Protein backbone atom coordinates (compact mmCIF):
# COMPACT_ATOMS: atom_id res chain seq x y z
CA MET A 1 120.54 67.77 87.73
CA THR A 2 122.36 69.37 84.80
CA VAL A 3 121.80 73.08 84.38
CA PRO A 4 121.87 74.21 80.74
CA ALA A 5 124.26 76.96 79.80
CA PRO A 6 122.88 80.51 80.20
CA ARG A 7 121.30 82.02 77.15
CA THR A 8 122.35 85.28 75.58
CA HIS A 9 119.93 88.05 76.45
CA PRO A 10 118.33 89.49 73.31
CA GLY A 11 118.31 92.96 74.79
CA ALA A 12 121.76 92.99 76.31
CA GLY A 13 123.77 96.08 75.55
CA ASP A 14 126.66 95.63 73.17
CA GLY A 15 128.64 98.68 74.23
CA ARG A 16 127.58 100.54 71.10
CA GLY A 17 123.81 100.72 71.20
CA SER A 18 122.06 103.66 72.82
CA GLU A 19 120.15 103.40 76.08
CA THR A 20 116.99 104.26 74.16
CA GLY A 21 117.59 101.46 71.68
CA ASP A 22 118.24 99.03 74.50
CA LEU A 23 114.94 99.97 76.14
CA GLY A 24 113.20 99.66 72.78
CA ARG A 25 114.19 95.99 72.59
CA PHE A 26 111.81 95.41 75.48
CA GLY A 27 109.02 97.15 73.59
CA TYR A 28 109.17 100.51 75.42
CA GLY A 29 109.82 104.01 74.17
CA GLN A 30 111.99 106.47 76.08
CA GLN A 31 109.37 108.65 77.76
CA LEU A 32 110.94 109.22 81.17
CA HIS A 33 113.89 111.61 81.10
CA ARG A 34 117.34 110.09 81.66
CA SER A 35 118.78 112.43 84.26
CA VAL A 36 120.07 110.04 86.93
CA GLY A 37 123.81 109.42 87.24
CA PRO A 38 125.69 106.87 89.38
CA PHE A 39 125.59 108.88 92.62
CA ALA A 40 121.92 109.80 92.20
CA SER A 41 121.15 106.12 91.56
CA PHE A 42 122.98 105.20 94.77
CA ALA A 43 121.17 108.03 96.54
CA ALA A 44 117.78 106.66 95.50
CA GLY A 45 118.47 103.38 97.31
CA PHE A 46 120.34 104.89 100.25
CA SER A 47 117.68 107.53 100.91
CA PHE A 48 114.90 104.91 100.80
CA VAL A 49 116.79 102.91 103.45
CA SER A 50 117.66 106.18 105.25
CA ILE A 51 119.29 105.00 108.45
CA LEU A 52 118.86 108.40 110.11
CA THR A 53 115.12 108.37 109.45
CA THR A 54 114.34 104.85 110.45
CA VAL A 55 116.84 104.27 113.25
CA PHE A 56 115.66 107.45 114.95
CA GLN A 57 112.06 106.48 114.35
CA LEU A 58 112.21 102.96 115.79
CA PHE A 59 115.32 102.76 117.98
CA GLY A 60 113.20 103.12 121.11
CA LEU A 61 110.77 100.42 119.98
CA GLY A 62 113.57 97.95 119.23
CA PHE A 63 115.32 98.67 122.53
CA SER A 64 112.07 98.38 124.49
CA PHE A 65 111.76 94.74 123.39
CA GLY A 66 115.31 93.41 123.20
CA GLY A 67 117.32 95.78 125.37
CA ALA A 68 120.97 96.37 124.44
CA GLY A 69 121.18 92.92 122.83
CA PHE A 70 118.69 94.00 120.16
CA PHE A 71 121.77 95.31 118.31
CA TRP A 72 122.38 91.78 117.00
CA THR A 73 119.18 91.89 114.99
CA TRP A 74 120.97 94.44 112.80
CA PRO A 75 123.77 92.23 111.41
CA THR A 76 121.31 89.34 111.15
CA VAL A 77 118.86 91.30 109.00
CA PHE A 78 121.71 92.90 107.05
CA ALA A 79 123.11 89.49 106.10
CA GLY A 80 119.69 88.27 104.96
CA GLN A 81 118.91 91.39 102.96
CA LEU A 82 122.34 91.35 101.34
CA LEU A 83 121.45 87.96 99.88
CA VAL A 84 118.24 89.47 98.47
CA ALA A 85 120.10 92.52 97.14
CA LEU A 86 122.58 90.32 95.27
CA CYS A 87 119.69 88.50 93.57
CA PHE A 88 118.08 91.82 92.66
CA ALA A 89 121.37 93.13 91.27
CA GLU A 90 121.47 90.26 88.77
CA LEU A 91 117.93 91.05 87.61
CA ALA A 92 118.57 94.81 87.42
CA ALA A 93 121.41 94.14 84.98
CA ARG A 94 119.20 92.05 82.72
CA TYR A 95 115.90 93.96 82.92
CA PRO A 96 116.67 97.71 83.32
CA ILE A 97 113.00 98.74 83.33
CA SER A 98 110.88 100.92 85.61
CA GLY A 99 108.60 99.04 87.96
CA ALA A 100 111.46 96.69 88.71
CA VAL A 101 109.77 94.22 91.07
CA PHE A 102 106.69 93.96 88.83
CA GLN A 103 108.80 93.56 85.70
CA TRP A 104 111.20 91.03 87.22
CA SER A 105 108.45 88.88 88.68
CA SER A 106 106.44 88.98 85.45
CA ARG A 107 109.39 87.93 83.33
CA LEU A 108 110.29 85.11 85.69
CA ALA A 109 106.86 83.68 86.55
CA GLY A 110 104.36 85.12 84.08
CA THR A 111 102.36 88.34 84.10
CA ASP A 112 99.52 87.13 86.33
CA PHE A 113 101.94 86.27 89.14
CA GLY A 114 103.93 89.42 88.42
CA TRP A 115 100.81 91.55 88.64
CA PHE A 116 100.05 90.38 92.18
CA THR A 117 103.68 90.92 93.15
CA GLY A 118 103.50 94.47 91.81
CA TRP A 119 100.13 95.06 93.48
CA VAL A 120 101.46 94.03 96.90
CA MET A 121 104.55 96.16 96.32
CA VAL A 122 102.51 99.24 95.44
CA VAL A 123 100.36 98.92 98.56
CA GLY A 124 103.47 98.36 100.68
CA GLN A 125 105.19 101.40 99.17
CA VAL A 126 102.19 103.64 99.83
CA LEU A 127 102.16 102.53 103.46
CA THR A 128 105.92 103.07 103.66
CA VAL A 129 105.55 106.65 102.40
CA ALA A 130 103.05 107.29 105.19
CA THR A 131 105.26 105.67 107.82
CA ALA A 132 108.32 107.63 106.67
CA ALA A 133 106.37 110.89 106.84
CA ILE A 134 105.27 110.08 110.40
CA ALA A 135 108.96 110.03 111.39
CA LEU A 136 109.01 113.84 111.41
CA GLN A 137 107.15 113.65 114.70
CA ALA A 138 110.06 111.77 116.28
CA VAL A 139 112.42 114.63 115.36
CA LEU A 140 110.91 118.10 114.83
CA PRO A 141 109.30 118.65 118.28
CA SER A 142 112.72 117.82 119.78
CA VAL A 143 114.31 120.48 117.57
CA TRP A 144 111.75 123.12 118.54
CA SER A 145 108.63 122.72 120.67
CA GLY A 146 106.78 125.00 118.27
CA PHE A 147 106.58 122.11 115.82
CA GLN A 148 104.07 120.51 118.19
CA LEU A 149 101.12 122.16 116.43
CA VAL A 150 98.39 120.00 118.01
CA GLY A 151 97.90 120.86 121.66
CA GLY A 152 100.68 123.41 121.74
CA PRO A 153 104.34 123.23 122.79
CA GLY A 154 103.50 121.68 126.16
CA ALA A 155 101.54 118.74 124.74
CA ASP A 156 102.85 115.17 124.69
CA SER A 157 104.83 114.77 121.44
CA ALA A 158 105.35 110.99 121.61
CA PRO A 159 104.03 109.49 118.33
CA THR A 160 101.99 106.94 120.29
CA SER A 161 100.19 109.60 122.36
CA ALA A 162 96.93 111.22 121.20
CA THR A 163 98.44 114.68 120.59
CA GLY A 164 101.65 113.23 119.16
CA ALA A 165 99.79 111.00 116.71
CA GLN A 166 97.61 113.85 115.49
CA ASN A 167 100.59 116.16 115.12
CA ALA A 168 102.38 113.43 113.18
CA VAL A 169 99.51 113.45 110.71
CA VAL A 170 99.69 117.24 110.30
CA LEU A 171 103.46 117.30 109.79
CA GLY A 172 103.27 114.26 107.51
CA LEU A 173 100.61 115.81 105.30
CA LEU A 174 102.63 119.00 104.93
CA LEU A 175 105.66 116.95 103.93
CA LEU A 176 103.64 114.95 101.39
CA VAL A 177 102.51 118.15 99.70
CA VAL A 178 106.16 119.13 99.22
CA THR A 179 107.38 115.72 98.04
CA THR A 180 104.48 115.36 95.61
CA ALA A 181 105.25 118.78 94.13
CA ILE A 182 108.92 117.83 93.68
CA ASN A 183 107.97 114.55 91.99
CA VAL A 184 105.64 116.39 89.63
CA ILE A 185 108.22 119.04 88.71
CA GLY A 186 110.75 116.55 87.38
CA VAL A 187 113.26 113.78 88.03
CA ARG A 188 116.23 116.15 87.70
CA LEU A 189 115.06 118.20 90.69
CA MET A 190 114.31 115.00 92.59
CA ALA A 191 117.80 113.65 91.84
CA VAL A 192 119.50 116.88 92.93
CA ILE A 193 117.54 117.05 96.19
CA THR A 194 118.02 113.35 96.91
CA SER A 195 121.76 113.51 96.21
CA ALA A 196 122.18 116.60 98.41
CA GLY A 197 120.08 115.01 101.15
CA VAL A 198 122.14 111.81 101.06
CA ALA A 199 125.38 113.79 101.30
CA ILE A 200 124.00 115.60 104.35
CA GLU A 201 122.80 112.30 105.84
CA ILE A 202 126.18 110.60 105.43
CA VAL A 203 127.95 113.57 107.03
CA GLY A 204 125.31 113.58 109.77
CA VAL A 205 125.79 109.87 110.51
CA ILE A 206 129.56 110.31 110.78
CA ALA A 207 129.17 113.37 113.04
CA LEU A 208 126.62 111.58 115.23
CA VAL A 209 128.76 108.48 115.66
CA VAL A 210 131.89 110.48 116.52
CA ALA A 211 130.02 112.79 118.92
CA LEU A 212 128.22 109.98 120.75
CA PHE A 213 131.35 107.84 121.14
CA ALA A 214 133.09 110.93 122.53
CA HIS A 215 130.39 111.03 125.24
CA ALA A 216 130.35 107.30 125.97
CA GLU A 217 128.89 106.22 129.28
CA ARG A 218 129.84 102.55 128.86
CA GLY A 219 131.78 100.31 126.49
CA PRO A 220 130.61 98.60 123.28
CA ALA A 221 130.47 95.29 125.17
CA VAL A 222 127.05 96.39 126.41
CA VAL A 223 125.59 94.86 123.22
CA THR A 224 126.35 91.41 124.68
CA THR A 225 123.87 92.04 127.51
CA THR A 226 120.07 92.12 127.70
CA THR A 227 120.00 95.28 129.82
CA GLY A 228 116.71 97.13 129.30
CA ALA A 229 114.86 94.21 127.69
CA ALA A 230 111.16 93.69 128.27
CA ASP A 231 109.94 90.91 130.54
CA GLY A 232 109.25 87.57 128.92
CA PRO A 233 111.17 84.89 127.01
CA TYR A 234 114.16 86.72 125.57
CA LEU A 235 114.13 85.02 122.18
CA SER A 236 110.54 86.18 121.67
CA MET A 237 111.47 89.74 122.70
CA TRP A 238 114.56 89.68 120.48
CA LEU A 239 112.55 88.58 117.45
CA ALA A 240 110.06 91.38 118.09
CA SER A 241 112.91 93.89 118.32
CA SER A 242 114.08 92.86 114.84
CA LEU A 243 111.21 94.98 113.50
CA MET A 244 113.52 98.00 113.64
CA ALA A 245 116.27 96.44 111.53
CA ALA A 246 113.75 94.91 109.11
CA TYR A 247 112.04 98.28 108.69
CA VAL A 248 115.32 100.08 108.00
CA MET A 249 116.91 97.75 105.47
CA VAL A 250 114.37 97.73 102.66
CA GLY A 251 114.09 99.86 99.54
CA PHE A 252 117.60 99.26 98.18
CA ASP A 253 115.82 98.06 95.03
CA SER A 254 114.53 101.59 94.36
CA ALA A 255 117.59 102.21 92.19
CA GLY A 256 116.03 99.61 89.89
CA GLU A 257 112.79 101.59 89.81
CA LEU A 258 114.72 104.44 88.20
CA SER A 259 116.41 102.27 85.56
CA GLU A 260 114.69 104.01 82.65
CA GLU A 261 115.92 107.34 84.02
CA THR A 262 119.47 106.19 84.77
CA HIS A 263 122.45 106.51 82.43
CA ALA A 264 124.01 103.10 81.62
CA PRO A 265 121.56 101.25 83.89
CA ARG A 266 122.88 97.74 83.17
CA ALA A 267 126.27 98.76 84.52
CA THR A 268 125.18 101.26 87.16
CA THR A 269 122.07 99.90 88.87
CA PRO A 270 123.33 96.49 90.10
CA ARG A 271 126.25 98.10 91.87
CA THR A 272 124.24 100.92 93.41
CA ILE A 273 121.67 98.45 94.77
CA VAL A 274 124.37 96.53 96.65
CA ARG A 275 126.34 99.64 97.58
CA ALA A 276 123.28 101.38 99.08
CA LEU A 277 122.62 98.44 101.38
CA VAL A 278 126.25 97.92 102.41
CA VAL A 279 126.85 101.59 103.26
CA SER A 280 123.55 101.68 105.16
CA GLY A 281 124.42 98.47 107.02
CA VAL A 282 127.82 99.70 108.21
CA GLY A 283 126.60 103.19 109.10
CA GLY A 284 123.53 101.90 110.91
CA ALA A 285 125.53 99.42 113.00
CA LEU A 286 127.89 102.17 114.17
CA LEU A 287 124.95 104.44 114.95
CA LEU A 288 123.23 101.77 117.06
CA ILE A 289 126.35 101.05 119.10
CA ALA A 290 127.02 104.78 119.55
CA GLY A 291 123.49 105.33 120.87
CA LEU A 292 123.76 102.45 123.33
CA VAL A 293 127.15 103.46 124.73
CA ALA A 294 126.20 107.16 125.06
CA ALA A 295 122.68 106.83 126.54
CA PRO A 296 122.57 108.34 130.06
CA SER A 297 120.63 105.30 131.28
CA LEU A 298 119.51 101.96 129.87
CA THR A 299 117.15 101.11 132.69
CA ASP A 300 115.02 104.14 133.58
CA GLY A 301 112.66 103.70 130.60
CA THR A 302 113.57 106.98 128.89
CA LEU A 303 115.60 105.42 126.07
CA ALA A 304 112.70 103.09 125.24
CA SER A 305 110.15 105.92 125.18
CA GLN A 306 112.17 108.75 123.59
CA GLY A 307 114.82 106.94 121.55
CA LEU A 308 117.93 108.49 120.06
CA ALA A 309 116.58 112.05 120.10
CA TYR A 310 116.79 111.87 123.91
CA VAL A 311 120.41 110.64 123.73
CA LEU A 312 121.42 113.49 121.42
CA THR A 313 119.88 116.34 123.36
CA SER A 314 121.04 114.98 126.73
CA ARG A 315 124.63 114.29 125.67
CA LEU A 316 125.33 117.02 123.14
CA GLY A 317 123.28 119.81 124.69
CA ASP A 318 120.42 121.74 123.19
CA VAL A 319 122.41 123.50 120.48
CA GLY A 320 124.60 120.63 119.29
CA GLY A 321 121.87 118.04 119.65
CA ARG A 322 119.33 120.11 117.78
CA LEU A 323 121.72 120.88 114.93
CA LEU A 324 122.23 117.18 114.37
CA LEU A 325 118.49 116.59 114.66
CA VAL A 326 118.05 119.03 111.78
CA CYS A 327 120.16 116.60 109.69
CA VAL A 328 117.79 113.85 110.76
CA ALA A 329 114.77 115.93 109.72
CA ILE A 330 116.35 116.48 106.28
CA ALA A 331 116.93 112.73 106.00
CA VAL A 332 113.26 112.09 106.85
CA ALA A 333 112.10 114.45 104.12
CA VAL A 334 114.46 112.97 101.51
CA CYS A 335 113.48 109.43 102.53
CA THR A 336 109.80 110.24 102.05
CA LEU A 337 110.61 111.75 98.65
CA ALA A 338 112.60 108.68 97.57
CA VAL A 339 109.92 106.22 98.66
CA GLN A 340 107.21 108.20 96.90
CA THR A 341 109.31 108.37 93.72
CA SER A 342 109.87 104.63 93.81
CA GLY A 343 106.17 103.94 94.36
CA SER A 344 105.11 106.24 91.55
CA ARG A 345 107.40 104.44 89.09
CA MET A 346 105.87 101.10 90.10
CA VAL A 347 102.35 102.44 89.52
CA TYR A 348 103.41 103.96 86.21
CA SER A 349 105.04 100.74 85.01
CA MET A 350 101.91 98.72 85.74
CA ALA A 351 99.53 101.35 84.39
CA ARG A 352 101.27 101.66 81.01
CA GLU A 353 100.56 97.94 80.53
CA ARG A 354 96.87 98.72 81.14
CA ALA A 355 97.25 96.61 84.28
CA PHE A 356 96.02 99.27 86.70
CA PRO A 357 92.73 101.17 87.08
CA PHE A 358 92.68 104.62 85.43
CA ALA A 359 95.61 103.52 83.29
CA ASN A 360 95.23 106.38 80.81
CA VAL A 361 96.07 108.87 83.56
CA LEU A 362 98.45 106.85 85.71
CA GLY A 363 100.44 105.47 82.76
CA ARG A 364 101.00 108.86 81.13
CA VAL A 365 104.31 110.76 81.27
CA SER A 366 104.32 114.53 81.00
CA PRO A 367 106.35 115.44 77.90
CA ARG A 368 107.43 118.67 79.60
CA THR A 369 108.64 117.32 82.95
CA GLY A 370 109.29 113.71 81.96
CA THR A 371 107.51 112.45 85.08
CA PRO A 372 104.36 110.34 85.63
CA ILE A 373 102.32 113.07 87.28
CA GLY A 374 99.18 111.02 87.87
CA ALA A 375 101.11 108.17 89.50
CA SER A 376 103.01 110.57 91.75
CA VAL A 377 99.79 112.23 92.93
CA LEU A 378 98.12 108.85 93.52
CA VAL A 379 100.94 107.59 95.76
CA GLY A 380 100.95 110.87 97.69
CA ALA A 381 97.16 110.78 98.13
CA GLY A 382 97.22 107.14 99.19
CA ALA A 383 99.87 107.89 101.81
CA ALA A 384 97.80 110.83 103.07
CA ILE A 385 94.80 108.54 103.57
CA ALA A 386 96.98 106.04 105.44
CA LEU A 387 98.24 108.89 107.62
CA ALA A 388 94.72 110.02 108.41
CA VAL A 389 93.96 106.66 110.04
CA ASN A 390 96.49 107.62 112.72
CA TRP A 391 94.44 110.68 113.75
CA HIS A 392 92.05 108.97 116.16
CA GLN A 393 94.00 105.75 116.73
CA SER A 394 97.54 106.41 117.98
CA ALA A 395 98.14 102.67 118.34
CA VAL A 396 98.26 102.42 114.54
CA PHE A 397 101.78 103.92 114.45
CA THR A 398 103.76 100.78 115.31
CA ALA A 399 101.26 98.55 113.51
CA LEU A 400 101.69 100.59 110.32
CA ALA A 401 105.48 100.28 110.48
CA SER A 402 105.30 96.49 110.85
CA LEU A 403 102.61 96.12 108.23
CA CYS A 404 104.33 98.06 105.46
CA ILE A 405 107.53 96.06 105.86
CA ALA A 406 105.66 92.75 105.86
CA MET A 407 104.10 93.81 102.55
CA LEU A 408 107.47 94.69 101.02
CA TYR A 409 108.98 91.40 102.17
CA LEU A 410 106.08 89.54 100.54
CA ALA A 411 106.65 91.42 97.29
CA TYR A 412 110.36 90.61 97.42
CA LEU A 413 109.45 86.94 97.82
CA GLY A 414 107.42 87.31 94.62
CA VAL A 415 110.76 87.85 92.88
CA THR A 416 113.24 85.59 94.69
CA VAL A 417 111.04 82.45 94.63
CA PRO A 418 110.46 82.44 90.83
CA LEU A 419 114.10 83.45 90.37
CA LEU A 420 115.13 80.31 92.25
CA VAL A 421 112.84 78.21 90.06
CA ARG A 422 114.40 79.81 86.97
CA ARG A 423 117.88 78.95 88.19
CA PHE A 424 116.95 75.28 88.50
CA ARG A 425 115.37 75.32 85.03
CA GLY A 426 118.27 76.84 83.18
CA GLY A 427 119.56 80.00 84.79
CA LEU A 428 119.43 83.67 83.86
CA PRO A 429 120.37 85.00 80.42
CA ASP A 430 123.91 86.23 79.94
CA GLY A 431 125.15 89.34 78.15
CA VAL A 432 127.22 92.50 78.48
CA ASP A 433 126.50 95.99 79.82
CA GLU A 434 126.72 99.35 78.07
CA PHE A 435 130.51 99.27 78.30
CA GLY A 436 130.93 95.77 76.92
CA ARG A 437 131.60 94.17 80.31
CA PRO A 438 129.83 90.96 81.44
CA LEU A 439 126.57 91.58 83.27
CA PHE A 440 126.62 91.35 87.06
CA SER A 441 126.33 87.67 87.97
CA LEU A 442 126.58 85.44 91.05
CA GLY A 443 127.85 82.62 88.89
CA ARG A 444 128.02 79.22 90.56
CA PHE A 445 127.01 80.76 93.91
CA GLY A 446 123.64 81.88 92.52
CA ILE A 447 121.56 78.91 93.70
CA VAL A 448 123.06 78.90 97.22
CA VAL A 449 122.57 82.64 97.65
CA ASN A 450 119.03 82.43 96.28
CA VAL A 451 118.02 79.51 98.55
CA LEU A 452 119.32 81.30 101.64
CA ALA A 453 117.58 84.53 100.57
CA VAL A 454 114.20 82.80 100.24
CA ALA A 455 114.60 80.98 103.56
CA TYR A 456 115.47 84.23 105.32
CA GLN A 457 112.53 86.06 103.77
CA VAL A 458 110.00 83.40 104.76
CA VAL A 459 111.17 83.52 108.37
CA MET A 460 110.99 87.33 108.43
CA VAL A 461 107.52 87.49 106.86
CA VAL A 462 106.22 85.16 109.57
CA ASN A 463 108.06 87.16 112.24
CA LEU A 464 106.78 90.53 110.99
CA ALA A 465 103.16 89.44 110.52
CA TRP A 466 102.95 87.48 113.78
CA PRO A 467 100.01 88.98 115.75
CA ARG A 468 101.98 90.32 118.73
CA ALA A 469 99.78 92.55 120.84
CA ALA A 470 102.85 94.55 121.94
CA VAL A 471 103.46 95.54 118.30
CA TYR A 472 100.04 95.63 116.69
CA ASP A 473 97.69 96.40 119.58
CA LEU A 474 98.93 99.04 121.99
CA THR A 475 95.34 99.45 123.23
CA ASP A 476 95.64 95.96 124.79
CA GLY A 477 92.17 94.88 123.81
CA THR A 478 91.42 95.65 120.13
CA TRP A 479 91.41 92.27 118.39
CA TRP A 480 91.42 93.64 114.86
CA LEU A 481 94.55 95.67 115.59
CA GLN A 482 96.35 92.62 116.92
CA TYR A 483 95.54 90.68 113.74
CA SER A 484 95.75 93.72 111.45
CA ALA A 485 98.75 92.43 109.47
CA LEU A 486 97.06 89.15 108.54
CA LEU A 487 93.73 90.87 107.90
CA PHE A 488 95.29 93.58 105.76
CA ILE A 489 97.39 91.17 103.69
CA ALA A 490 94.34 88.98 103.07
CA THR A 491 92.22 92.02 102.14
CA THR A 492 94.94 93.30 99.79
CA LEU A 493 95.05 89.97 97.93
CA VAL A 494 91.24 89.71 97.70
CA VAL A 495 90.88 93.26 96.39
CA GLY A 496 93.78 92.61 94.02
CA PHE A 497 92.03 89.51 92.68
CA PHE A 498 88.95 91.51 91.67
CA VAL A 499 90.97 94.40 90.24
CA HIS A 500 93.12 92.05 88.17
CA ARG A 501 90.11 90.02 87.04
CA ARG A 502 88.36 93.19 85.88
CA ASN A 503 91.45 94.22 83.90
CA ARG A 504 91.72 90.83 82.22
CA VAL A 505 88.05 90.89 81.21
CA ARG A 506 88.25 94.47 80.01
CA HIS A 507 91.35 93.88 77.88
CA GLN A 508 90.36 90.37 76.85
CA GLY A 509 93.41 88.49 77.96
CA PRO A 510 96.60 88.53 79.99
CA ILE A 511 99.14 91.34 80.05
CA VAL A 512 101.72 91.29 77.25
CA LEU A 513 104.65 93.38 78.46
CA GLY A 514 105.56 96.20 76.13
CA ALA A 515 102.94 95.31 73.52
CA ARG A 516 101.14 98.66 73.65
CA GLN A 517 104.11 100.96 73.95
CA VAL A 518 105.96 101.36 70.65
CA ALA A 519 104.38 100.80 67.29
CA GLY A 520 106.31 98.12 65.44
CA ALA A 521 108.54 97.28 68.42
CA ARG A 522 109.00 93.66 69.29
CA PRO A 523 107.96 93.15 72.93
CA HIS A 524 110.43 91.22 75.01
CA PRO A 525 109.12 87.65 75.31
CA VAL A 526 107.73 86.66 78.68
CA GLU A 527 108.42 83.07 79.55
CA GLU A 528 105.34 81.69 81.26
CA PRO A 529 105.87 79.06 83.97
CA ALA A 530 105.49 75.47 82.80
C-alpha cells in the first residue's frame, strides 16, 4: 500500500516560539513550572528504571528460577524495550505534554481508548510505587540490623517472611511520607534530588561492578550454564526468571511525563527516553555478570534467597559492603520518588480534562509550588494502601512485582498498537524542534520497529500474567493469589468502565483534549479512529 507523505504538525516548534506558546497550541496553559533540564530529564527516566533498586530487589528471584543462564533474559528484554522506547521517542517529540501515555494514546486512537490506557497506567504506576518502596527491606536490614523494626534485629528480614513483609510495609510507608512531601514542595527540589541520586547511583554501579569483578570466584562464561536453576523444564523456568529484567526496564517514558516541566522538550525528551534505557541496559548487564562471577556459591541456595546484598557483604566485608548498600538505599528512595512523580503527572493530566474523579482537586496546580499537590498525595496514598496488603500476606510481594509490570506493559500496548495503525494510515506528523532541527523520527524503519515492539509486548504480557504458582502463590494453595494478575487486570478494566461511563454522563460527551484549559485557545484536534 502507498503511505501518504507525513503531515506538518500544527504545534511543531519553529525555533523561535516560546515553550509556553508551543504548549498553548495544544490548548493548555503553562501551569507547571519549567525547571527540568536535560540531565534532570534523563534522571527522571533512569531513576524510574533504577537498576540498583530493582536488580537488588529481584536478583535472587530471577536466579532462583533460571540459574546463571537467567542473565540472557536481560539482553532479550532490553532489545524489546528499546523498540518500544524508540516509538515513544517519536511521540514525545510531537506531543510534549504531561500524562504522556494518556495523551499519546488519545491522540492516536481517540479519547475513549486513551482514557482506558491512562487508567491502566495510573493503576500500574501506583502499584509500582508500592513495589519500589518495598525494596528498602532488601537493603536496609543488611546495612544495619536496627532497621528491622518489626520483631527486632534478630527477626527474619527476608521480604517474603512474616516479619520481613511487615517491616517492608513500615519502611515503605516512612519513605512514602518523605517522597510525597518532596513532590508537594516543588519540581525543582524533586529534580535536584533525582539528579543527585542518579549521579550517586551511576557511581555506585561502577564501584560495584569493579569491586565484584576484583573478587571473582569464576569466569563470565558461567552465564552459559544453568547452574542454580530450579527443577522443571528449563524454558519455563527461564521465562519465569525474565520477571526481573521486565520489572527493571520500564519507566523510561517518565521523561515524557515531565514534558511540560522540561526546557525544550521536543528536542530533549526523545533523547533522554532512549538514553535512560540504554545506560540502564549496559549498567544492569555488567552488574548481573559481576554478581554471578563474585557469588561465593551458586548452588547452596543463599544467592537465591538473599540476592546481591549477600554477595556484597560476603565479598567486600561489612564496611565496604554496607557502604555500597547505602548507595543502593539512596537509589531505592530516588526510584520511589521518580515513580510517584510520574504517576502524579498522569493523574493530573487526566484530571484536568475532567476525566478523573475529584477532578477539581486532582487537576489543580499550586501556583506557589507549581506542582499538582492533590495528585501527588493520591498516588502516595494509593501506594500506601497497596503496601498495607503485604502486612498479613507476605506472599503478595512477588505477586505485586509481577502485577505492576504486567499493568505497565498493557498500558504501553495501548500506545504502540494504535501507533502502528497510524503508520499504516499515513504516518506521524513531521516538524522541527525548538532549535529548528527535524523532530526525532524512525523514518522508513518505523513500521518494522513498531511491529516488532508490539509482538514483543504481547509475548511479555502473556508471560508476566501467566498464573505461575511459583510467582503469584507462594502459599502453594491460595487460588486467588495464583490467578491474581488476571483477576486484578479484569477488575481494573471493569471498575474503569464504570468510572469512565460516569464521567461521560456527567460531562455529557467524550473528552475533548485541552478544551477546558485556556480561554480562546484552539485545542489540538484529536483524530478519532475510523
